[in-house]
Amino acid sequence: MKSIRINRLCLENFKCHQLLELDLRGRSASIYGDNAAGKTSIYDALTWLLFGKDSKGNGEKNIDLKPLGPDGQVADHQAITAVEAELDVDGQITTLRRTLREVWSAKRGSGQETFDGNTSEYFVDGVPQKKYGYDAKIREIVPEDVFRLLTSVSYFARDMGWQDRRAALFGIAAPAPDTEIMATDARFAPLAAGAHLCRWQTISANCRRTAKSLWARKRMLRRGYPSSRRWPSSAGRWIAAACRWSWKRRPLERRSWNGSWLR
């Protein structure tokens, strides 16, 4: 099992924190504060540093990372948002840093600068990295789904699909084989005796094929000209012939409201 400890976490111009440095030294810590004091923002900073998302899984385009002014707008467009963490991963120290800054430029013939978007920079142990290299390093440390399972109390019940929840539970406690379960109760004896004959996946596949065939025959009857080879009985052949005869006459005749045939 991998051991990951946070030695230090530093936030610069991240949400409501202009500058915040937590010297944890690998110890467990509890953070207390009033509402809207920035407790969740610390967790958001860690998830953004690792995965480029906030604690709810929203990407950079859907969250406000920079500190906002009283009017709800970015307080300083020139400020660089940065989060840095020193991690102890199985005794090996790794320093991660991610930054975000706005890009402004003046178009030709205009003296006014316009906002062109954001740009990010990535560092591992002080060395600049491309995004794909940085993401690969993060995956080596901890996959995103494992991180969220360990750090979010609502991720398992709210954000994971039932198939993923089932796989996670089976990964923790693998289910017993069917034969072992049936051996615990004598009432399963008939089922156990025939278990080797056919697997439930095969039975399910056969049922789907049968249902598909029946629906195909129903559609052919609605069209009015089924093949007589699908009706082995004499009654079936008579019905098929009648349907074909009716279908051939239909372009030449029309039916009146009282049910009689008219030319």
Protein backbone atom coordinates (compact mmCIF):
# COMPACT_ATOMS: atom_id res chain seq x y z
CA MET A 1 0.00 0.00 0.00
CA LYS A 2 1.33 3.42 -1.01
CA SER A 3 1.88 6.05 1.70
CA ILE A 4 1.31 9.71 0.74
CA ARG A 5 1.81 12.56 3.22
CA ILE A 6 1.57 16.31 2.69
CA ASN A 7 4.56 18.13 4.13
CA ARG A 8 3.66 21.58 2.86
CA LEU A 9 0.85 23.22 0.89
CA CYS A 10 1.07 26.80 -0.41
CA LEU A 11 -1.70 28.82 -2.10
CA GLU A 12 -1.07 32.09 -3.96
CA ASN A 13 -3.98 34.16 -5.30
CA PHE A 14 -6.25 31.13 -5.18
CA LYS A 15 -9.92 31.98 -4.66
CA CYS A 16 -10.23 33.84 -1.33
CA HIS A 17 -6.59 33.18 -0.33
CA GLN A 18 -4.03 35.73 -1.49
CA LEU A 19 -1.27 33.87 0.33
CA LEU A 20 -1.66 30.82 2.56
CA GLU A 21 1.03 28.35 3.55
CA LEU A 22 0.31 25.23 5.60
CA ASP A 23 3.35 23.58 7.16
CA LEU A 24 1.87 20.15 7.88
CA ARG A 25 5.13 18.14 8.02
CA GLY A 26 3.26 14.96 7.11
CA ARG A 27 0.96 15.13 10.12
CA SER A 28 -2.82 14.83 10.18
CA ALA A 29 -4.58 18.17 10.47
CA SER A 30 -8.10 19.53 11.05
CA ILE A 31 -9.09 22.90 9.59
CA TYR A 32 -11.76 24.96 11.35
CA GLY A 33 -13.33 28.28 10.41
CA ASP A 34 -16.51 30.26 9.85
CA ASN A 35 -18.67 29.81 6.77
CA ALA A 36 -17.10 31.24 3.61
CA ALA A 37 -13.73 31.48 5.37
CA GLY A 38 -12.00 29.36 2.70
CA LYS A 39 -11.90 25.87 4.21
CA THR A 40 -13.20 24.16 1.05
CA SER A 41 -10.90 26.31 -1.06
CA ILE A 42 -7.92 24.54 0.51
CA TYR A 43 -9.27 21.20 -0.64
CA ASP A 44 -10.08 22.74 -4.04
CA ALA A 45 -6.48 23.92 -4.28
CA LEU A 46 -5.15 20.41 -3.72
CA THR A 47 -7.49 18.82 -6.30
CA TRP A 48 -6.69 21.59 -8.80
CA LEU A 49 -2.96 21.08 -8.27
CA LEU A 50 -3.30 17.36 -8.99
CA PHE A 51 -6.09 17.14 -11.58
CA GLY A 52 -6.98 20.65 -12.74
CA LYS A 53 -10.45 20.42 -11.13
CA ASP A 54 -12.13 21.55 -7.95
CA SER A 55 -13.39 19.22 -5.24
CA LYS A 56 -16.69 18.71 -7.12
CA GLY A 57 -14.97 17.69 -10.35
CA ASN A 58 -15.51 20.99 -12.21
CA GLY A 59 -12.79 22.02 -14.65
CA GLU A 60 -11.01 25.37 -14.84
CA LYS A 61 -13.55 26.83 -17.28
CA ASN A 62 -16.38 26.34 -14.77
CA ILE A 63 -14.75 27.70 -11.60
CA ASP A 64 -13.35 31.04 -10.46
CA LEU A 65 -9.78 30.46 -9.34
CA LYS A 66 -8.65 34.04 -8.86
CA PRO A 67 -9.61 36.21 -5.88
CA LEU A 68 -12.71 38.31 -6.59
CA GLY A 69 -13.42 41.88 -5.62
CA PRO A 70 -16.55 43.26 -3.92
CA ASP A 71 -18.21 43.55 -7.34
CA GLY A 72 -17.74 39.83 -8.01
CA GLN A 73 -15.11 40.43 -10.70
CA VAL A 74 -11.44 39.39 -10.71
CA ALA A 75 -9.61 41.72 -8.35
CA ASP A 76 -6.21 41.62 -10.10
CA HIS A 77 -5.93 40.37 -13.69
CA GLN A 78 -2.12 40.46 -13.54
CA ALA A 79 -1.90 38.22 -10.47
CA ILE A 80 -0.60 34.69 -11.01
CA THR A 81 -2.59 31.90 -9.37
CA ALA A 82 -0.32 29.16 -8.05
CA VAL A 83 -0.55 26.10 -5.82
CA GLU A 84 2.50 24.20 -4.64
CA ALA A 85 2.72 21.07 -2.51
CA GLU A 86 5.56 19.03 -1.11
CA LEU A 87 4.55 15.39 -0.88
CA ASP A 88 6.21 12.45 0.85
CA VAL A 89 5.43 9.44 -1.34
CA ASP A 90 6.76 6.25 0.25
CA GLY A 91 9.64 8.21 1.73
CA GLN A 92 10.50 10.05 -1.50
CA ILE A 93 9.98 13.83 -1.51
CA THR A 94 8.21 15.24 -4.58
CA THR A 95 7.35 18.90 -5.11
CA LEU A 96 4.48 19.77 -7.44
CA ARG A 97 3.53 23.24 -8.67
CA ARG A 98 0.80 24.47 -11.04
CA THR A 99 0.25 28.07 -12.08
CA LEU A 100 -2.43 29.95 -14.00
CA ARG A 101 -2.17 33.43 -15.48
CA GLU A 102 -4.25 35.52 -17.83
CA VAL A 103 -3.01 36.41 -21.32
CA TRP A 104 -3.77 39.93 -22.58
CA SER A 105 -2.69 41.46 -25.87
CA ALA A 106 -3.37 44.58 -27.93
CA LYS A 107 -4.63 44.00 -31.44
CA ARG A 108 -3.04 45.82 -34.35
CA GLY A 109 -4.40 49.31 -34.66
CA SER A 110 -5.82 49.30 -31.16
CA GLY A 111 -4.14 50.55 -28.04
CA GLN A 112 -6.48 48.66 -25.73
CA GLU A 113 -5.56 45.19 -24.51
CA THR A 114 -8.09 42.37 -24.68
CA PHE A 115 -8.29 39.10 -22.79
CA ASP A 116 -7.08 36.13 -24.87
CA GLY A 117 -7.51 33.35 -22.30
CA ASN A 118 -5.52 31.61 -19.59
CA THR A 119 -2.27 29.72 -19.74
CA SER A 120 -0.87 27.23 -17.24
CA GLU A 121 2.60 26.07 -16.29
CA TYR A 122 3.55 22.81 -14.59
CA PHE A 123 6.57 21.94 -12.46
CA VAL A 124 7.83 18.73 -10.84
CA ASP A 125 10.68 19.23 -8.36
CA GLY A 126 11.24 22.69 -9.84
CA VAL A 127 11.61 21.40 -13.42
CA PRO A 128 9.10 22.71 -16.02
CA GLN A 129 6.91 19.99 -17.54
CA LYS A 130 4.54 19.59 -20.44
CA LYS A 131 0.96 18.92 -19.39
CA TYR A 132 1.01 15.28 -20.49
CA GLY A 133 4.23 14.67 -18.56
CA TYR A 134 2.83 16.36 -15.47
CA ASP A 135 -0.39 14.33 -15.67
CA ALA A 136 1.63 11.12 -16.07
CA LYS A 137 3.55 11.96 -12.90
CA ILE A 138 0.31 12.54 -11.01
CA ARG A 139 -1.06 9.19 -12.17
CA GLU A 140 2.07 7.53 -10.82
CA ILE A 141 1.42 9.10 -7.44
CA VAL A 142 -2.34 8.51 -7.20
CA PRO A 143 -5.16 7.95 -9.76
CA GLU A 144 -7.95 10.51 -9.58
CA ASP A 145 -10.72 8.05 -8.68
CA VAL A 146 -8.67 6.59 -5.81
CA PHE A 147 -7.82 10.08 -4.53
CA ARG A 148 -11.46 11.15 -4.51
CA LEU A 149 -12.58 7.95 -2.82
CA LEU A 150 -10.09 8.55 -0.02
CA THR A 151 -10.65 12.29 0.42
CA SER A 152 -14.34 12.95 -0.34
CA VAL A 153 -17.13 11.56 1.83
CA SER A 154 -19.73 12.07 -0.93
CA TYR A 155 -17.82 10.83 -3.98
CA PHE A 156 -18.78 7.15 -3.62
CA ALA A 157 -22.52 7.72 -3.13
CA ARG A 158 -23.06 10.82 -5.29
CA ASP A 159 -20.56 10.90 -8.12
CA MET A 160 -19.77 7.25 -8.93
CA GLY A 161 -21.98 5.13 -11.18
CA TRP A 162 -23.41 1.96 -9.72
CA GLN A 163 -21.12 -0.19 -11.88
CA ASP A 164 -18.06 1.60 -10.49
CA ARG A 165 -19.37 1.33 -6.93
CA ARG A 166 -19.96 -2.39 -7.42
CA ALA A 167 -16.44 -2.87 -8.81
CA ALA A 168 -14.95 -0.91 -5.91
CA LEU A 169 -16.78 -3.01 -3.33
CA PHE A 170 -15.82 -6.25 -5.05
CA GLY A 171 -12.23 -5.03 -5.13
CA ILE A 172 -12.31 -4.65 -1.34
CA ALA A 173 -14.25 -7.84 -0.59
CA ALA A 174 -14.37 -10.28 -3.51
CA PRO A 175 -17.65 -12.27 -3.69
CA ALA A 176 -17.60 -16.01 -3.09
CA PRO A 177 -18.03 -18.32 -6.12
CA ASP A 178 -21.56 -19.50 -6.95
CA THR A 179 -20.73 -23.10 -6.12
CA GLU A 180 -19.50 -22.09 -2.68
CA ILE A 181 -22.69 -20.12 -1.99
CA MET A 182 -24.96 -22.95 -3.17
CA ALA A 183 -23.13 -25.42 -0.94
CA THR A 184 -24.32 -23.54 2.15
CA ASP A 185 -28.00 -24.53 1.68
CA ALA A 186 -29.51 -27.86 0.59
CA ARG A 187 -32.28 -26.02 -1.30
CA PHE A 188 -29.69 -25.02 -3.89
CA ALA A 189 -28.91 -28.66 -4.71
CA PRO A 190 -31.05 -28.85 -7.92
CA LEU A 191 -29.58 -25.58 -9.11
CA ALA A 192 -26.05 -26.74 -8.33
CA ALA A 193 -26.63 -30.01 -10.23
CA GLY A 194 -27.46 -28.13 -13.43
CA ALA A 195 -25.08 -25.24 -12.99
CA HIS A 196 -22.50 -26.84 -15.26
CA LEU A 197 -24.97 -27.26 -18.13
CA CYS A 198 -25.43 -23.63 -19.04
CA ARG A 199 -24.17 -20.32 -17.73
CA TRP A 200 -26.61 -17.51 -17.06
CA GLN A 201 -24.89 -15.37 -19.68
CA THR A 202 -25.71 -18.02 -22.30
CA ILE A 203 -29.35 -18.20 -21.17
CA SER A 204 -29.63 -14.40 -21.33
CA ALA A 205 -28.11 -14.33 -24.84
CA ASN A 206 -30.55 -17.02 -26.04
CA CYS A 207 -33.49 -15.06 -24.65
CA ARG A 208 -32.35 -11.93 -26.46
CA ARG A 209 -32.01 -13.81 -29.76
CA THR A 210 -35.49 -15.33 -29.37
CA ALA A 211 -37.03 -11.94 -28.59
CA LYS A 212 -35.29 -10.38 -31.59
CA SER A 213 -36.63 -13.12 -33.87
CA LEU A 214 -40.19 -12.69 -32.59
CA TRP A 215 -40.07 -8.92 -33.13
CA ALA A 216 -38.79 -9.47 -36.67
CA ARG A 217 -41.74 -11.77 -37.45
CA LYS A 218 -44.15 -9.22 -36.01
CA ARG A 219 -42.76 -6.52 -38.28
CA MET A 220 -43.10 -8.81 -41.32
CA LEU A 221 -46.77 -9.45 -40.50
CA ARG A 222 -47.39 -5.71 -40.26
CA ARG A 223 -45.90 -5.22 -43.73
CA GLY A 224 -48.36 -7.81 -45.04
CA TYR A 225 -46.12 -10.13 -47.06
CA PRO A 226 -44.27 -12.62 -44.87
CA SER A 227 -42.41 -15.51 -46.42
CA SER A 228 -44.33 -18.78 -46.49
CA ARG A 229 -41.18 -20.66 -45.57
CA ARG A 230 -41.56 -19.25 -42.03
CA TRP A 231 -44.95 -20.94 -41.66
CA PRO A 232 -44.54 -24.74 -41.77
CA SER A 233 -48.18 -25.53 -40.95
CA SER A 234 -50.93 -25.50 -43.57
CA ALA A 235 -52.75 -22.74 -41.71
CA GLY A 236 -49.60 -20.70 -41.66
CA ARG A 237 -49.10 -21.13 -45.40
CA TRP A 238 -52.71 -20.09 -46.03
CA ILE A 239 -52.27 -16.93 -43.93
CA ALA A 240 -49.03 -16.08 -45.73
CA ALA A 241 -50.64 -16.55 -49.14
CA ALA A 242 -53.63 -14.42 -48.14
CA CYS A 243 -51.33 -11.66 -46.94
CA ARG A 244 -49.36 -11.68 -50.20
CA TRP A 245 -52.60 -11.62 -52.23
CA SER A 246 -53.92 -8.71 -50.18
CA TRP A 247 -50.68 -6.81 -50.56
CA LYS A 248 -50.69 -7.27 -54.38
CA ARG A 249 -54.31 -6.06 -54.73
CA ARG A 250 -53.86 -3.03 -52.54
CA PRO A 251 -52.21 -0.79 -55.16
CA LEU A 252 -55.08 -1.47 -57.60
CA GLU A 253 -58.04 -1.17 -55.25
CA ARG A 254 -59.22 1.01 -52.41
CA ARG A 255 -61.67 0.25 -49.65
CA SER A 256 -64.88 2.19 -49.13
CA TRP A 257 -66.15 3.33 -45.76
CA ASN A 258 -68.75 0.52 -45.64
CA GLY A 259 -66.10 -2.15 -46.17
CA SER A 260 -66.83 -3.02 -49.83
CA TRP A 261 -64.07 -3.16 -52.45
CA LEU A 262 -64.13 -0.53 -55.21
CA ARG A 263 -62.21 -0.38 -58.48
